[in-house]
Amino acid sequence: MYSDQDIANLVARVQQLEMQAATRQAAGTPNIKMLSPNFLTRAFAVWGHNFVASLLIGIAVSCVMTIIGLILGAAVGTTALSWINQILGSMPK
C-alpha cells in the first residue's frame, strides 16, 4: 500500500510542519506579561494596566472638575463681591 519511502517522506513533512507552526506561534505571540504561564505575573500585569487606566481617567476628570470649579468660583466670587459692595455701601458712615 504505502512504501517505506512514502512514510519517511510523510514523517519528514510532519516534522517540518510542526517546526513551522512552532516558529510561527513564537513569532506571532507578543512577549507580554499578561500571557505568562505564572499566575502572579499575570495578576500584577492586569493590576498594573488597571492602575494606569484609573490614573489616566482620574487625571482627566480632575482637570475637567478644576476648570468647572474655577469657572463657578469666578462667578460666585463676582456675585459675592457685588453683595459685599452693596452691604458696605448701605452702611452709614
C-alpha atoms as a PDB file:
ATOM      1  CA  MET A   1       0.000   0.000   0.000  1.00  0.00           C
ATOM      2  CA  TYR A   2       2.468   2.661   1.165  1.00  0.00           C
ATOM      3  CA  SER A   3       6.154   2.185   0.810  1.00  0.00           C
ATOM      4  CA  ASP A   4       8.710   2.922   3.480  1.00  0.00           C
ATOM      5  CA  GLN A   5       9.856   5.866   1.389  1.00  0.00           C
ATOM      6  CA  ASP A   6       6.333   7.367   1.406  1.00  0.00           C
ATOM      7  CA  ILE A   7       6.083   7.011   5.177  1.00  0.00           C
ATOM      8  CA  ALA A   8       9.530   8.527   5.669  1.00  0.00           C
ATOM      9  CA  ASN A   9       8.561  11.459   3.433  1.00  0.00           C
ATOM     10  CA  LEU A  10       5.349  11.968   5.419  1.00  0.00           C
ATOM     11  CA  VAL A  11       7.189  11.822   8.745  1.00  0.00           C
ATOM     12  CA  ALA A  12       9.713  14.376   7.492  1.00  0.00           C
ATOM     13  CA  ARG A  13       6.903  16.608   6.217  1.00  0.00           C
ATOM     14  CA  VAL A  14       5.031  16.414   9.542  1.00  0.00           C
ATOM     15  CA  GLN A  15       8.206  17.352  11.423  1.00  0.00           C
ATOM     16  CA  GLN A  16       8.758  20.251   9.048  1.00  0.00           C
ATOM     17  CA  LEU A  17       5.174  21.489   9.532  1.00  0.00           C
ATOM     18  CA  GLU A  18       5.458  21.177  13.334  1.00  0.00           C
ATOM     19  CA  MET A  19       8.644  23.263  13.275  1.00  0.00           C
ATOM     20  CA  GLN A  20       6.963  25.891  11.094  1.00  0.00           C
ATOM     21  CA  ALA A  21       3.947  26.012  13.417  1.00  0.00           C
ATOM     22  CA  ALA A  22       6.156  26.419  16.487  1.00  0.00           C
ATOM     23  CA  THR A  23       8.165  29.161  14.801  1.00  0.00           C
ATOM     24  CA  ARG A  24       5.049  30.949  13.618  1.00  0.00           C
ATOM     25  CA  GLN A  25       3.465  30.725  17.072  1.00  0.00           C
ATOM     26  CA  ALA A  26       6.585  32.046  18.787  1.00  0.00           C
ATOM     27  CA  ALA A  27       6.923  34.888  16.292  1.00  0.00           C
ATOM     28  CA  GLY A  28       3.215  35.759  16.320  1.00  0.00           C
ATOM     29  CA  THR A  29       2.784  35.819  20.095  1.00  0.00           C
ATOM     30  CA  PRO A  30       3.839  39.104  21.704  1.00  0.00           C
ATOM     31  CA  ASN A  31       6.190  38.902  24.658  1.00  0.00           C
ATOM     32  CA  ILE A  32       3.950  40.471  27.293  1.00  0.00           C
ATOM     33  CA  LYS A  33       3.442  39.567  30.934  1.00  0.00           C
ATOM     34  CA  MET A  34      -0.312  39.058  30.501  1.00  0.00           C
ATOM     35  CA  LEU A  35       0.432  35.860  28.560  1.00  0.00           C
ATOM     36  CA  SER A  36       2.838  34.497  31.162  1.00  0.00           C
ATOM     37  CA  PRO A  37       2.207  30.997  32.499  1.00  0.00           C
ATOM     38  CA  ASN A  38       2.824  32.293  36.041  1.00  0.00           C
ATOM     39  CA  PHE A  39      -0.400  33.385  37.776  1.00  0.00           C
ATOM     40  CA  LEU A  40       1.177  36.129  39.904  1.00  0.00           C
ATOM     41  CA  THR A  41       2.882  37.665  36.896  1.00  0.00           C
ATOM     42  CA  ARG A  42      -0.430  37.785  35.038  1.00  0.00           C
ATOM     43  CA  ALA A  43      -2.232  39.160  38.102  1.00  0.00           C
ATOM     44  CA  PHE A  44       0.252  42.002  38.575  1.00  0.00           C
ATOM     45  CA  ALA A  45       0.200  42.775  34.851  1.00  0.00           C
ATOM     46  CA  VAL A  46      -3.591  43.120  34.945  1.00  0.00           C
ATOM     47  CA  TRP A  47      -3.374  45.210  38.134  1.00  0.00           C
ATOM     48  CA  GLY A  48      -0.779  47.472  36.518  1.00  0.00           C
ATOM     49  CA  HIS A  49      -2.957  48.035  33.457  1.00  0.00           C
ATOM     50  CA  ASN A  50      -5.937  48.768  35.708  1.00  0.00           C
ATOM     51  CA  PHE A  51      -3.872  51.212  37.792  1.00  0.00           C
ATOM     52  CA  VAL A  52      -2.629  53.131  34.759  1.00  0.00           C
ATOM     53  CA  ALA A  53      -6.107  53.298  33.236  1.00  0.00           C
ATOM     54  CA  SER A  54      -7.575  54.569  36.515  1.00  0.00           C
ATOM     55  CA  LEU A  55      -4.771  57.101  36.840  1.00  0.00           C
ATOM     56  CA  LEU A  56      -5.376  58.495  33.352  1.00  0.00           C
ATOM     57  CA  ILE A  57      -9.131  58.676  33.872  1.00  0.00           C
ATOM     58  CA  GLY A  58      -8.621  60.323  37.268  1.00  0.00           C
ATOM     59  CA  ILE A  59      -6.288  62.950  35.814  1.00  0.00           C
ATOM     60  CA  ALA A  60      -8.759  63.763  33.038  1.00  0.00           C
ATOM     61  CA  VAL A  61     -11.701  64.028  35.449  1.00  0.00           C
ATOM     62  CA  SER A  62      -9.633  66.159  37.850  1.00  0.00           C
ATOM     63  CA  CYS A  63      -8.717  68.583  35.066  1.00  0.00           C
ATOM     64  CA  VAL A  64     -12.347  68.934  33.980  1.00  0.00           C
ATOM     65  CA  MET A  65     -13.535  69.424  37.569  1.00  0.00           C
ATOM     66  CA  THR A  66     -10.805  72.005  38.232  1.00  0.00           C
ATOM     67  CA  ILE A  67     -11.891  74.014  35.199  1.00  0.00           C
ATOM     68  CA  ILE A  68     -15.554  73.803  36.261  1.00  0.00           C
ATOM     69  CA  GLY A  69     -14.573  74.817  39.799  1.00  0.00           C
ATOM     70  CA  LEU A  70     -12.599  77.808  38.540  1.00  0.00           C
ATOM     71  CA  ILE A  71     -15.494  78.953  36.370  1.00  0.00           C
ATOM     72  CA  LEU A  72     -18.035  78.536  39.171  1.00  0.00           C
ATOM     73  CA  GLY A  73     -15.658  80.132  41.670  1.00  0.00           C
ATOM     74  CA  ALA A  74     -15.222  83.174  39.468  1.00  0.00           C
ATOM     75  CA  ALA A  75     -18.992  83.505  39.037  1.00  0.00           C
ATOM     76  CA  VAL A  76     -19.665  83.138  42.757  1.00  0.00           C
ATOM     77  CA  GLY A  77     -16.755  85.455  43.546  1.00  0.00           C
ATOM     78  CA  THR A  78     -18.097  88.290  41.420  1.00  0.00           C
ATOM     79  CA  THR A  79     -21.573  87.820  42.908  1.00  0.00           C
ATOM     80  CA  ALA A  80     -20.144  87.824  46.438  1.00  0.00           C
ATOM     81  CA  LEU A  81     -18.137  90.974  45.679  1.00  0.00           C
ATOM     82  CA  SER A  82     -21.229  92.765  44.442  1.00  0.00           C
ATOM     83  CA  TRP A  83     -23.116  91.751  47.614  1.00  0.00           C
ATOM     84  CA  ILE A  84     -20.267  92.957  49.804  1.00  0.00           C
ATOM     85  CA  ASN A  85     -20.153  96.277  47.939  1.00  0.00           C
ATOM     86  CA  GLN A  86     -23.929  96.682  48.378  1.00  0.00           C
ATOM     87  CA  ILE A  87     -23.699  95.915  52.098  1.00  0.00           C
ATOM     88  CA  LEU A  88     -20.745  98.221  52.612  1.00  0.00           C
ATOM     89  CA  GLY A  89     -22.365 100.947  50.514  1.00  0.00           C
ATOM     90  CA  SER A  90     -25.612 100.842  52.503  1.00  0.00           C
ATOM     91  CA  MET A  91     -23.870 101.138  55.887  1.00  0.00           C
ATOM     92  CA  PRO A  92     -23.941 104.569  57.456  1.00  0.00           C
ATOM     93  CA  LYS A  93     -20.590 106.286  57.746  1.00  0.00           C
END
